[in-house]
Amino acid sequence: MKKELYRASFILALIVMFISVSPVAMAGTVGNPTATVAQGSFLVGAEIDFWERDMDFDAGSVVEIEGTKILVKGTYGISDKVDVFGKIGMAEVEDSDMDIAFGFGGKVNVYEKGQIKAGVVAQFLFWSGEDAGVDIDITEFDLAFGGRYEVNKDFDCYGGLMFAMVEGDIAGSDFDEDDTIGIFLGGEFTITPQARAGVELRLMSETSLTLMANFAF
């Protein structure tokens, strides 16, 4: 009974979060901010990210930009407290074509006690594409600090602060992030012993929603 209740709650939360940010749509998915992959093991995942954020252009204007990313993520456990990962896939900004996006990063656990863990995440993301023949380049560095709470063996929730530094160029006009500090909130649910699904919401510096699935090997 409890398992079915958690599943229903998770699905309901996902639907509510999706409705609350639609329509919104480069912003980086943080995910669980703690290292979770056992030493020497691999985790392969997929994520679709809809994001929207304000950008500050050199000319002095602030413009809202939105986009979508579809990425595959591979994570390797260096130790039980350190994970490294890489991402590759496709992304679009505004009305651009889907072009290759990629990134890399790592997670380090800094605190563990009972059902609570805390960690630090650092990652770089890169994307380059065209919108109506105009070149667009975006680079982002994210640094996040957060905690994870294990509600039970099937469900984890997490959240924390993130610092996002974005630099971009559209047809020779430079821009960067209008707001640097944001928050992230999410949850992960076990589907099978090897598979998990999750949802993440990022606010303040951006308005973003990510749907995720992970498979352990």
Protein backbone atom coordinates (compact mmCIF):
# COMPACT_ATOMS: atom_id res chain seq x y z
CA MET A 1 0.00 0.00 0.00
CA LYS A 2 2.76 2.46 0.94
CA LYS A 3 4.64 1.70 -2.26
CA GLU A 4 1.57 2.46 -4.39
CA LEU A 5 1.00 5.66 -2.42
CA TYR A 6 4.56 6.85 -3.07
CA ARG A 7 4.21 6.04 -6.77
CA ALA A 8 0.96 7.97 -7.01
CA SER A 9 2.44 10.93 -5.12
CA PHE A 10 5.47 10.97 -7.39
CA ILE A 11 3.37 10.94 -10.58
CA LEU A 12 1.09 13.67 -9.20
CA ALA A 13 4.05 15.86 -8.25
CA LEU A 14 5.56 15.42 -11.71
CA ILE A 15 2.30 16.47 -13.39
CA VAL A 16 1.85 19.48 -11.11
CA MET A 17 5.44 20.64 -11.67
CA PHE A 18 5.08 20.24 -15.43
CA ILE A 19 1.88 22.29 -15.53
CA SER A 20 3.26 24.97 -13.21
CA VAL A 21 6.23 25.78 -15.47
CA SER A 22 4.63 25.32 -18.90
CA PRO A 23 5.23 26.81 -21.30
CA VAL A 24 8.96 27.18 -20.54
CA ALA A 25 11.87 25.54 -21.83
CA MET A 26 21.47 26.59 -21.93
CA ALA A 27 20.72 25.57 -18.28
CA GLY A 28 22.34 22.65 -16.55
CA THR A 29 20.43 19.86 -14.82
CA VAL A 30 21.98 19.29 -11.38
CA GLY A 31 20.36 15.97 -10.47
CA ASN A 32 20.98 14.30 -7.14
CA PRO A 33 23.81 16.46 -5.70
CA THR A 34 25.52 13.51 -4.00
CA ALA A 35 27.65 10.71 -5.41
CA THR A 36 25.49 7.58 -5.73
CA VAL A 37 27.42 5.25 -8.06
CA ALA A 38 29.44 2.50 -6.38
CA GLN A 39 33.19 2.49 -6.95
CA GLY A 40 34.02 0.99 -10.34
CA SER A 41 30.38 0.98 -11.52
CA PHE A 42 28.59 2.83 -14.33
CA LEU A 43 25.26 4.63 -14.52
CA VAL A 44 23.74 5.57 -17.89
CA GLY A 45 20.88 8.06 -18.04
CA ALA A 46 18.78 10.22 -20.32
CA GLU A 47 17.31 13.64 -19.60
CA ILE A 48 15.04 16.11 -21.36
CA ASP A 49 15.33 19.66 -20.12
CA PHE A 50 12.99 22.62 -20.80
CA TRP A 51 14.53 25.91 -19.69
CA GLU A 52 14.01 29.65 -19.71
CA ARG A 53 16.22 32.40 -18.30
CA ASP A 54 16.99 36.14 -18.65
CA MET A 55 20.21 37.11 -20.41
CA ASP A 56 22.02 40.43 -20.03
CA PHE A 57 23.35 41.71 -23.38
CA ASP A 58 26.30 44.08 -23.75
CA ALA A 59 23.99 46.68 -25.29
CA GLY A 60 22.28 46.94 -21.90
CA SER A 61 19.09 45.05 -22.69
CA VAL A 62 17.79 42.02 -20.79
CA VAL A 63 16.24 39.38 -23.06
CA GLU A 64 14.39 36.21 -22.05
CA ILE A 65 15.80 33.16 -23.86
CA GLU A 66 14.36 29.64 -23.79
CA GLY A 67 15.35 26.26 -25.16
CA THR A 68 15.29 22.49 -24.90
CA LYS A 69 18.00 19.86 -24.37
CA ILE A 70 17.88 16.10 -24.85
CA LEU A 71 21.01 14.48 -23.44
CA VAL A 72 22.50 11.10 -22.63
CA LYS A 73 24.56 11.05 -19.42
CA GLY A 74 27.20 8.54 -18.37
CA THR A 75 28.43 8.46 -14.76
CA TYR A 76 31.36 6.51 -13.29
CA GLY A 77 32.00 5.96 -9.60
CA ILE A 78 35.63 6.77 -8.80
CA SER A 79 34.91 5.97 -5.16
CA ASP A 80 31.79 5.67 -3.02
CA LYS A 81 32.05 9.43 -2.42
CA VAL A 82 33.16 10.72 -5.85
CA ASP A 83 31.39 10.46 -9.23
CA VAL A 84 32.46 11.87 -12.61
CA PHE A 85 30.12 12.22 -15.57
CA GLY A 86 29.84 13.28 -19.19
CA LYS A 87 26.83 14.41 -21.22
CA ILE A 88 26.16 14.51 -24.96
CA GLY A 89 23.06 15.07 -27.02
CA MET A 90 21.10 17.70 -28.89
CA ALA A 91 19.85 21.15 -27.91
CA GLU A 92 18.01 24.13 -29.33
CA VAL A 93 17.70 27.77 -28.31
CA GLU A 94 14.65 29.79 -29.35
CA ASP A 95 13.86 28.75 -32.98
CA SER A 96 17.27 27.29 -33.79
CA ASP A 97 17.87 23.86 -35.27
CA MET A 98 18.76 21.00 -32.94
CA ASP A 99 22.58 20.90 -32.69
CA ILE A 100 25.10 18.94 -30.64
CA ALA A 101 25.51 19.86 -26.97
CA PHE A 102 27.94 18.29 -24.53
CA GLY A 103 29.37 18.69 -21.07
CA PHE A 104 31.20 17.09 -18.17
CA GLY A 105 31.50 17.37 -14.42
CA GLY A 106 31.72 15.65 -11.07
CA LYS A 107 30.11 15.17 -7.65
CA VAL A 108 31.74 14.87 -4.22
CA ASN A 109 30.02 13.89 -0.96
CA VAL A 110 30.92 16.20 1.93
CA TYR A 111 28.55 14.92 4.64
CA GLU A 112 26.77 11.67 5.44
CA LYS A 113 24.63 10.73 8.43
CA GLY A 114 21.79 8.24 8.37
CA GLN A 115 19.32 9.05 5.62
CA ILE A 116 20.91 12.43 4.87
CA LYS A 117 23.79 13.15 2.50
CA ALA A 118 25.23 16.43 1.23
CA GLY A 119 27.45 17.05 -1.75
CA VAL A 120 28.99 19.47 -4.22
CA VAL A 121 28.45 19.37 -7.99
CA ALA A 122 30.53 21.16 -10.64
CA GLN A 123 29.83 20.96 -14.37
CA PHE A 124 30.53 22.62 -17.73
CA LEU A 125 28.06 22.69 -20.64
CA PHE A 126 28.67 23.73 -24.26
CA TRP A 127 26.34 24.33 -27.22
CA SER A 128 26.71 25.94 -30.66
CA GLY A 129 24.02 26.31 -33.31
CA GLU A 130 22.17 28.54 -35.77
CA ASP A 131 18.88 30.43 -35.70
CA ALA A 132 17.77 31.70 -39.14
CA GLY A 133 21.38 31.72 -40.31
CA VAL A 134 22.63 33.52 -37.17
CA ASP A 135 25.36 31.77 -35.17
CA ILE A 136 24.72 31.20 -31.45
CA ASP A 137 27.30 29.93 -28.94
CA ILE A 138 26.63 29.27 -25.25
CA THR A 139 28.95 28.08 -22.47
CA GLU A 140 27.82 27.49 -18.88
CA PHE A 141 29.58 26.62 -15.65
CA ASP A 142 27.45 25.44 -12.71
CA LEU A 143 28.47 24.99 -9.09
CA ALA A 144 25.82 23.49 -6.80
CA PHE A 145 25.64 22.66 -3.09
CA GLY A 146 22.82 20.47 -1.90
CA GLY A 147 21.47 17.66 0.21
CA ARG A 148 19.63 14.42 -0.43
CA TYR A 149 17.15 12.76 1.93
CA GLU A 150 16.33 9.07 1.55
CA VAL A 151 12.60 8.91 2.31
CA ASN A 152 12.68 5.12 1.89
CA LYS A 153 14.51 2.56 -0.26
CA ASP A 154 12.40 3.57 -3.29
CA PHE A 155 12.30 7.35 -3.08
CA ASP A 156 14.85 10.16 -2.55
CA CYS A 157 14.25 13.90 -2.54
CA TYR A 158 16.93 16.56 -2.87
CA GLY A 159 17.51 20.29 -3.15
CA GLY A 160 20.03 23.07 -2.72
CA LEU A 161 21.64 26.23 -4.06
CA MET A 162 23.31 26.59 -7.44
CA PHE A 163 25.54 29.23 -9.01
CA ALA A 164 25.30 29.40 -12.81
CA MET A 165 27.69 31.47 -14.94
CA VAL A 166 26.63 31.70 -18.59
CA GLU A 167 28.46 33.30 -21.49
CA GLY A 168 27.11 33.47 -25.01
CA ASP A 169 27.34 35.12 -28.39
CA ILE A 170 24.60 35.81 -30.95
CA ALA A 171 25.86 37.23 -34.24
CA GLY A 172 28.77 38.94 -32.47
CA SER A 173 26.65 40.33 -29.62
CA ASP A 174 27.85 39.02 -26.25
CA PHE A 175 25.57 38.18 -23.34
CA ASP A 176 25.73 36.56 -19.90
CA GLU A 177 23.33 35.50 -17.15
CA ASP A 178 21.11 38.16 -15.58
CA ASP A 179 20.83 36.21 -12.29
CA THR A 180 23.57 33.92 -10.99
CA ILE A 181 22.08 32.35 -7.85
CA GLY A 182 19.21 29.89 -8.02
CA ILE A 183 17.71 26.90 -6.27
CA PHE A 184 17.04 23.35 -7.42
CA LEU A 185 14.52 20.78 -6.12
CA GLY A 186 13.93 17.23 -7.26
CA GLY A 187 13.11 13.63 -6.56
CA GLU A 188 14.10 10.18 -7.80
CA PHE A 189 11.95 7.06 -7.73
CA THR A 190 12.99 3.42 -8.12
CA ILE A 191 11.26 1.63 -11.00
CA THR A 192 13.32 -1.58 -10.90
CA PRO A 193 16.51 -2.49 -8.98
CA GLN A 194 18.50 -1.18 -11.97
CA ALA A 195 16.31 1.72 -13.12
CA ARG A 196 15.20 5.02 -11.59
CA ALA A 197 13.14 7.97 -12.84
CA GLY A 198 13.28 11.54 -11.62
CA VAL A 199 12.09 15.11 -12.01
CA GLU A 200 13.87 18.38 -11.21
CA LEU A 201 12.77 22.00 -11.00
CA ARG A 202 15.18 24.98 -11.01
CA LEU A 203 14.04 28.47 -10.01
CA MET A 204 15.14 32.08 -9.36
CA SER A 205 18.05 32.32 -11.80
CA GLU A 206 16.01 30.38 -14.36
CA THR A 207 12.72 28.53 -14.76
CA SER A 208 13.51 24.98 -15.82
CA LEU A 209 12.06 21.50 -15.70
CA THR A 210 13.98 18.26 -16.29
CA LEU A 211 12.65 14.71 -16.64
CA MET A 212 15.26 12.00 -16.08
CA ALA A 213 15.78 8.23 -16.23
CA ASN A 214 18.88 6.31 -15.04
CA PHE A 215 20.04 2.74 -15.54
CA ALA A 216 22.77 1.09 -13.42
CA PHE A 217 25.31 -1.42 -14.76
